[in-house]
Amino acid sequence: MSGEYGSGGRWGGRLTRRELPEHDARLEALPERERARLAEIWLYRALTERRVADSFGVIRAALARRNAPAELVRLAERAVDDEYRHTELSRLVASRFAGRELELPARLDLVVPEHAGATPELRDTLFIVGQCVFNETTAGAYLEECLRHARGELALAALRELLSDEIDHGRIGWAHLASLDAGARAAVGPWLLPLAYLNLRAWNGETPDDPEQTPALGEHGAPPAASIRRALLDALESLIVPGLAELGLPTGPLRAWLAAGAFTDRPPRELV
């Protein structure tokens, strides 16, 4: 398999700013069982990246409806392509672990939240905030944690590529929030805790404790679930909540939920 993924495929050339290493001594030394498990993990990562591409299609349309600055609409449009590139990158990494070309399984369905009771304008903003401010900022923290554990050359190259785009994707939501007038921003306030709770619950559901976890998995981009959960909470506490406060949004309920352990096994009292 080529060190330049996607050559000659749908995108007609290189899909990465970095070349993937042709050889990875750590990968080649892995037992078959761990290689197979890593192939599963990276292939599922490809599926989630493809679902995020669908999500950014929704975001692009929402920004256009809200007459957002053209630069933000272009960023969202580029994010769709970025996420398809991430899909192919992750599929290729999975194939390298498997030692054979893997095809993507059926795509994961994107469920767009209804946000019952919100106006159409607010519903657009809530989806943008939920996906970009919460999910993409959290995704950056997740990838940073994966990088902290990674030692394999293939995983390191792929994770750096993924992370370089996620940071820009998160900025779309922050820029949109900052562009809202005071009334529109105030309308977002009561929804912040539900958005945070649902986002963290989704992440916890997709990164459960793995009974097959070994140190080698972490070295190739799949760290233990406990370390991921700590990184996600740190992103909420040190990045997302202070950023929202800086924009004048009410963060008291969020801080109270975090102080109570940021539980996701039941809705916070404010959601009942």
Protein backbone atom coordinates (compact mmCIF):
# COMPACT_ATOMS: atom_id res chain seq x y z
CA MET A 1 0.00 0.00 0.00
CA SER A 2 1.25 3.47 -0.79
CA GLY A 3 2.53 5.87 1.84
CA GLU A 4 0.35 8.52 0.21
CA TYR A 5 -3.23 7.59 0.87
CA GLY A 6 -6.03 8.05 -1.61
CA SER A 7 -3.78 8.35 -4.64
CA GLY A 8 -5.96 8.16 -7.74
CA GLY A 9 -9.16 7.78 -5.72
CA ARG A 10 -12.24 9.97 -5.40
CA TRP A 11 -10.18 13.06 -4.59
CA GLY A 12 -7.75 12.45 -7.46
CA GLY A 13 -4.47 12.66 -5.56
CA ARG A 14 -2.82 13.07 -2.20
CA LEU A 15 -5.18 13.57 0.68
CA THR A 16 -2.67 14.46 3.35
CA ARG A 17 -0.17 17.18 4.07
CA ARG A 18 2.10 14.48 5.51
CA GLU A 19 3.30 11.25 4.01
CA LEU A 20 2.41 8.15 5.97
CA PRO A 21 5.45 6.03 6.76
CA GLU A 22 5.94 3.01 4.54
CA HIS A 23 7.26 0.99 7.48
CA ASP A 24 6.49 0.98 11.19
CA ALA A 25 8.63 -1.41 13.21
CA ARG A 26 6.25 -1.26 16.18
CA LEU A 27 3.30 -2.19 13.99
CA GLU A 28 5.18 -5.02 12.32
CA ALA A 29 6.12 -6.47 15.72
CA LEU A 30 2.51 -6.61 16.95
CA PRO A 31 0.83 -9.96 17.55
CA GLU A 32 -1.97 -10.75 15.10
CA ARG A 33 -4.68 -10.33 17.74
CA GLU A 34 -3.65 -6.75 18.56
CA ARG A 35 -3.29 -5.87 14.88
CA ALA A 36 -6.83 -7.13 14.28
CA ARG A 37 -8.19 -5.13 17.20
CA LEU A 38 -6.47 -1.95 16.00
CA ALA A 39 -7.88 -2.51 12.51
CA GLU A 40 -11.38 -2.61 14.05
CA ILE A 41 -10.77 0.56 16.05
CA TRP A 42 -9.40 2.56 13.12
CA LEU A 43 -12.11 1.32 10.77
CA TYR A 44 -14.78 2.47 13.21
CA ARG A 45 -12.95 5.80 13.43
CA ALA A 46 -13.31 6.05 9.64
CA LEU A 47 -17.07 5.55 9.99
CA THR A 48 -17.39 8.29 12.60
CA GLU A 49 -15.36 10.68 10.44
CA ARG A 50 -17.74 10.04 7.55
CA ARG A 51 -20.72 10.79 9.82
CA VAL A 52 -19.07 14.07 10.83
CA ALA A 53 -18.77 14.93 7.12
CA ASP A 54 -22.55 14.61 6.91
CA SER A 55 -22.83 16.82 9.99
CA PHE A 56 -20.77 19.57 8.39
CA GLY A 57 -23.05 19.46 5.37
CA VAL A 58 -25.90 20.34 7.74
CA ILE A 59 -23.77 23.06 9.33
CA ARG A 60 -22.90 24.62 5.98
CA ALA A 61 -26.59 24.85 5.10
CA ALA A 62 -27.42 26.29 8.53
CA LEU A 63 -24.74 28.98 8.23
CA ALA A 64 -25.99 29.91 4.78
CA ARG A 65 -29.57 30.23 6.08
CA ARG A 66 -28.36 32.48 8.88
CA ASN A 67 -26.49 34.73 6.41
CA ALA A 68 -23.23 33.95 8.19
CA PRO A 69 -20.02 35.53 6.88
CA ALA A 70 -18.95 33.93 3.62
CA GLU A 71 -15.66 32.84 5.20
CA LEU A 72 -17.50 30.72 7.77
CA VAL A 73 -19.61 29.08 5.07
CA ARG A 74 -16.44 28.30 3.11
CA LEU A 75 -14.80 26.83 6.22
CA ALA A 76 -17.79 24.55 6.76
CA GLU A 77 -17.69 23.52 3.12
CA ARG A 78 -14.00 22.72 3.42
CA ALA A 79 -14.70 20.80 6.62
CA VAL A 80 -16.92 18.38 4.67
CA ASP A 81 -13.96 17.59 2.40
CA ASP A 82 -11.63 17.40 5.41
CA GLU A 83 -13.82 14.81 7.07
CA TYR A 84 -14.03 12.68 3.95
CA ARG A 85 -10.24 12.87 3.81
CA HIS A 86 -10.13 11.77 7.46
CA THR A 87 -12.42 8.89 6.56
CA GLU A 88 -10.07 7.64 3.87
CA LEU A 89 -7.00 8.18 6.05
CA SER A 90 -8.50 6.18 8.90
CA ARG A 91 -9.61 3.43 6.50
CA LEU A 92 -6.10 3.16 5.12
CA VAL A 93 -4.57 3.01 8.60
CA ALA A 94 -7.05 0.25 9.48
CA SER A 95 -6.01 -1.59 6.33
CA ARG A 96 -2.35 -1.33 7.27
CA PHE A 97 -3.08 -2.94 10.63
CA ALA A 98 -5.18 -5.63 8.97
CA GLY A 99 -2.53 -6.32 6.35
CA ARG A 100 -5.13 -6.16 3.59
CA GLU A 101 -7.38 -3.61 1.94
CA LEU A 102 -10.52 -3.01 4.01
CA GLU A 103 -13.78 -1.61 2.70
CA LEU A 104 -15.95 0.73 4.72
CA PRO A 105 -19.04 -0.88 6.26
CA ALA A 106 -22.47 0.76 5.91
CA ARG A 107 -22.37 4.41 6.93
CA LEU A 108 -23.49 5.50 10.39
CA ASP A 109 -26.73 7.48 10.38
CA LEU A 110 -26.54 11.13 11.36
CA VAL A 111 -29.31 12.05 13.80
CA VAL A 112 -29.92 15.81 13.78
CA PRO A 113 -31.35 16.86 17.19
CA GLU A 114 -34.82 18.38 17.09
CA HIS A 115 -34.21 20.84 19.95
CA ALA A 116 -37.93 20.90 20.66
CA GLY A 117 -39.24 24.38 21.43
CA ALA A 118 -36.43 26.23 19.67
CA THR A 119 -37.13 28.57 16.77
CA PRO A 120 -35.70 27.54 13.38
CA GLU A 121 -33.01 30.20 13.75
CA LEU A 122 -32.03 29.01 17.22
CA ARG A 123 -32.14 25.37 16.09
CA ASP A 124 -29.53 26.13 13.43
CA THR A 125 -27.30 27.83 15.97
CA LEU A 126 -27.67 25.02 18.50
CA PHE A 127 -26.59 22.44 15.95
CA ILE A 128 -23.55 24.53 15.01
CA VAL A 129 -22.62 25.06 18.66
CA GLY A 130 -23.21 21.42 19.58
CA GLN A 131 -21.11 20.10 16.71
CA CYS A 132 -18.31 22.66 16.66
CA VAL A 133 -17.97 24.26 20.10
CA PHE A 134 -18.63 21.03 21.98
CA ASN A 135 -17.94 18.06 19.72
CA GLU A 136 -15.02 19.35 17.66
CA THR A 137 -13.28 21.00 20.63
CA THR A 138 -13.71 17.73 22.50
CA ALA A 139 -12.44 15.79 19.47
CA GLY A 140 -9.27 17.88 19.58
CA ALA A 141 -8.73 16.91 23.23
CA TYR A 142 -9.39 13.26 22.38
CA LEU A 143 -6.82 13.29 19.59
CA GLU A 144 -4.27 15.06 21.78
CA GLU A 145 -4.72 12.28 24.35
CA CYS A 146 -4.29 9.66 21.63
CA LEU A 147 -1.09 11.43 20.55
CA ARG A 148 0.20 11.52 24.12
CA HIS A 149 0.09 7.72 24.24
CA ALA A 150 1.08 7.00 20.64
CA ARG A 151 4.53 5.66 19.77
CA GLY A 152 3.96 3.92 16.44
CA GLU A 153 5.05 5.97 13.45
CA LEU A 154 1.90 5.24 11.43
CA ALA A 155 -0.46 6.23 14.24
CA LEU A 156 1.55 9.37 15.04
CA ALA A 157 1.44 10.58 11.43
CA ALA A 158 -2.29 9.89 11.08
CA LEU A 159 -3.26 11.44 14.43
CA ARG A 160 -1.30 14.62 13.70
CA GLU A 161 -3.13 14.95 10.40
CA LEU A 162 -6.53 14.49 12.04
CA LEU A 163 -5.78 16.95 14.84
CA SER A 164 -4.55 19.71 12.53
CA ASP A 165 -8.03 19.98 10.99
CA GLU A 166 -10.16 19.47 14.11
CA ILE A 167 -8.83 22.69 15.63
CA ASP A 168 -10.09 24.71 12.65
CA HIS A 169 -13.42 22.90 12.69
CA GLY A 170 -14.02 23.89 16.30
CA ARG A 171 -13.32 27.52 15.45
CA ILE A 172 -16.36 27.60 13.16
CA GLY A 173 -18.67 27.28 16.16
CA TRP A 174 -16.77 29.77 18.29
CA ALA A 175 -16.78 32.32 15.46
CA HIS A 176 -20.49 31.82 14.90
CA LEU A 177 -21.24 32.35 18.59
CA ALA A 178 -19.12 35.47 18.67
CA SER A 179 -20.96 36.88 15.65
CA LEU A 180 -24.42 36.65 17.26
CA ASP A 181 -26.10 39.73 18.68
CA ALA A 182 -26.80 39.86 22.42
CA GLY A 183 -30.36 38.58 22.09
CA ALA A 184 -29.45 35.59 19.94
CA ARG A 185 -26.56 34.72 22.23
CA ALA A 186 -28.78 34.94 25.32
CA ALA A 187 -31.19 32.46 23.72
CA VAL A 188 -28.38 29.89 23.56
CA GLY A 189 -27.66 30.09 27.31
CA PRO A 190 -30.37 27.69 28.61
CA TRP A 191 -29.28 25.05 26.09
CA LEU A 192 -25.61 24.87 27.07
CA LEU A 193 -25.98 22.23 29.78
CA PRO A 194 -28.12 19.93 27.58
CA LEU A 195 -25.61 20.30 24.74
CA ALA A 196 -22.66 19.49 27.01
CA TYR A 197 -24.42 16.57 28.65
CA LEU A 198 -25.52 14.98 25.36
CA ASN A 199 -22.10 15.45 23.79
CA LEU A 200 -20.24 13.88 26.70
CA ARG A 201 -22.74 11.03 26.87
CA ALA A 202 -22.18 10.30 23.18
CA TRP A 203 -18.40 10.31 23.63
CA ASN A 204 -18.61 8.02 26.65
CA GLY A 205 -20.85 5.69 24.68
CA GLU A 206 -18.38 5.50 21.80
CA THR A 207 -15.27 5.12 23.96
CA PRO A 208 -16.26 2.44 26.51
CA ASP A 209 -13.82 0.42 28.58
CA ASP A 210 -12.22 -2.12 26.27
CA PRO A 211 -11.76 -5.61 27.80
CA GLU A 212 -9.04 -6.19 25.19
CA GLN A 213 -7.09 -3.03 26.13
CA THR A 214 -3.32 -3.45 26.17
CA PRO A 215 -0.44 -0.94 26.29
CA ALA A 216 0.18 -1.69 22.61
CA LEU A 217 -3.25 -0.36 21.66
CA GLY A 218 -2.40 2.99 23.23
CA GLU A 219 0.91 3.05 21.35
CA HIS A 220 -1.04 2.83 18.09
CA GLY A 221 -3.72 5.46 18.71
CA ALA A 222 -6.21 3.76 21.04
CA PRO A 223 -5.51 4.75 24.67
CA PRO A 224 -7.46 3.43 27.68
CA ALA A 225 -11.00 4.74 28.10
CA ALA A 226 -10.23 6.13 31.55
CA SER A 227 -7.52 8.43 30.16
CA ILE A 228 -9.86 9.54 27.37
CA ARG A 229 -12.58 10.43 29.88
CA ARG A 230 -10.12 12.54 31.88
CA ALA A 231 -9.09 14.38 28.71
CA LEU A 232 -12.71 15.05 27.73
CA LEU A 233 -13.53 16.48 31.15
CA ASP A 234 -10.41 18.63 31.08
CA ALA A 235 -11.49 20.04 27.70
CA LEU A 236 -14.86 21.00 29.18
CA GLU A 237 -13.34 22.55 32.29
CA SER A 238 -10.31 24.32 30.82
CA LEU A 239 -11.38 25.18 27.26
CA ILE A 240 -15.11 25.11 26.64
CA VAL A 241 -16.53 26.58 29.85
CA PRO A 242 -13.99 29.45 30.02
CA GLY A 243 -14.57 30.19 26.33
CA LEU A 244 -18.32 30.38 26.81
CA ALA A 245 -17.87 32.61 29.85
CA GLU A 246 -15.60 34.91 27.85
CA LEU A 247 -18.46 35.37 25.37
CA GLY A 248 -20.80 36.35 28.20
CA LEU A 249 -22.80 33.12 28.26
CA PRO A 250 -24.07 31.70 31.57
CA THR A 251 -21.90 28.79 32.69
CA GLY A 252 -23.17 28.29 36.26
CA PRO A 253 -25.23 25.14 35.48
CA LEU A 254 -22.33 23.69 33.49
CA ARG A 255 -19.89 24.31 36.33
CA ALA A 256 -22.29 22.76 38.85
CA TRP A 257 -22.68 19.65 36.67
CA LEU A 258 -18.91 19.34 36.31
CA ALA A 259 -18.45 19.76 40.06
CA ALA A 260 -20.94 16.94 40.59
CA GLY A 261 -18.84 14.63 38.41
CA ALA A 262 -20.30 15.38 34.96
CA PHE A 263 -22.44 12.25 35.23
CA THR A 264 -24.07 10.93 32.04
CA ASP A 265 -26.02 7.99 33.46
CA ARG A 266 -28.98 10.28 34.12
CA PRO A 267 -29.97 13.78 32.99
CA PRO A 268 -28.85 16.67 35.18
CA ARG A 269 -31.65 18.04 37.33
CA GLU A 270 -32.02 21.05 35.03
CA LEU A 271 -32.99 18.70 32.18
CA VAL A 272 -35.74 16.83 34.01
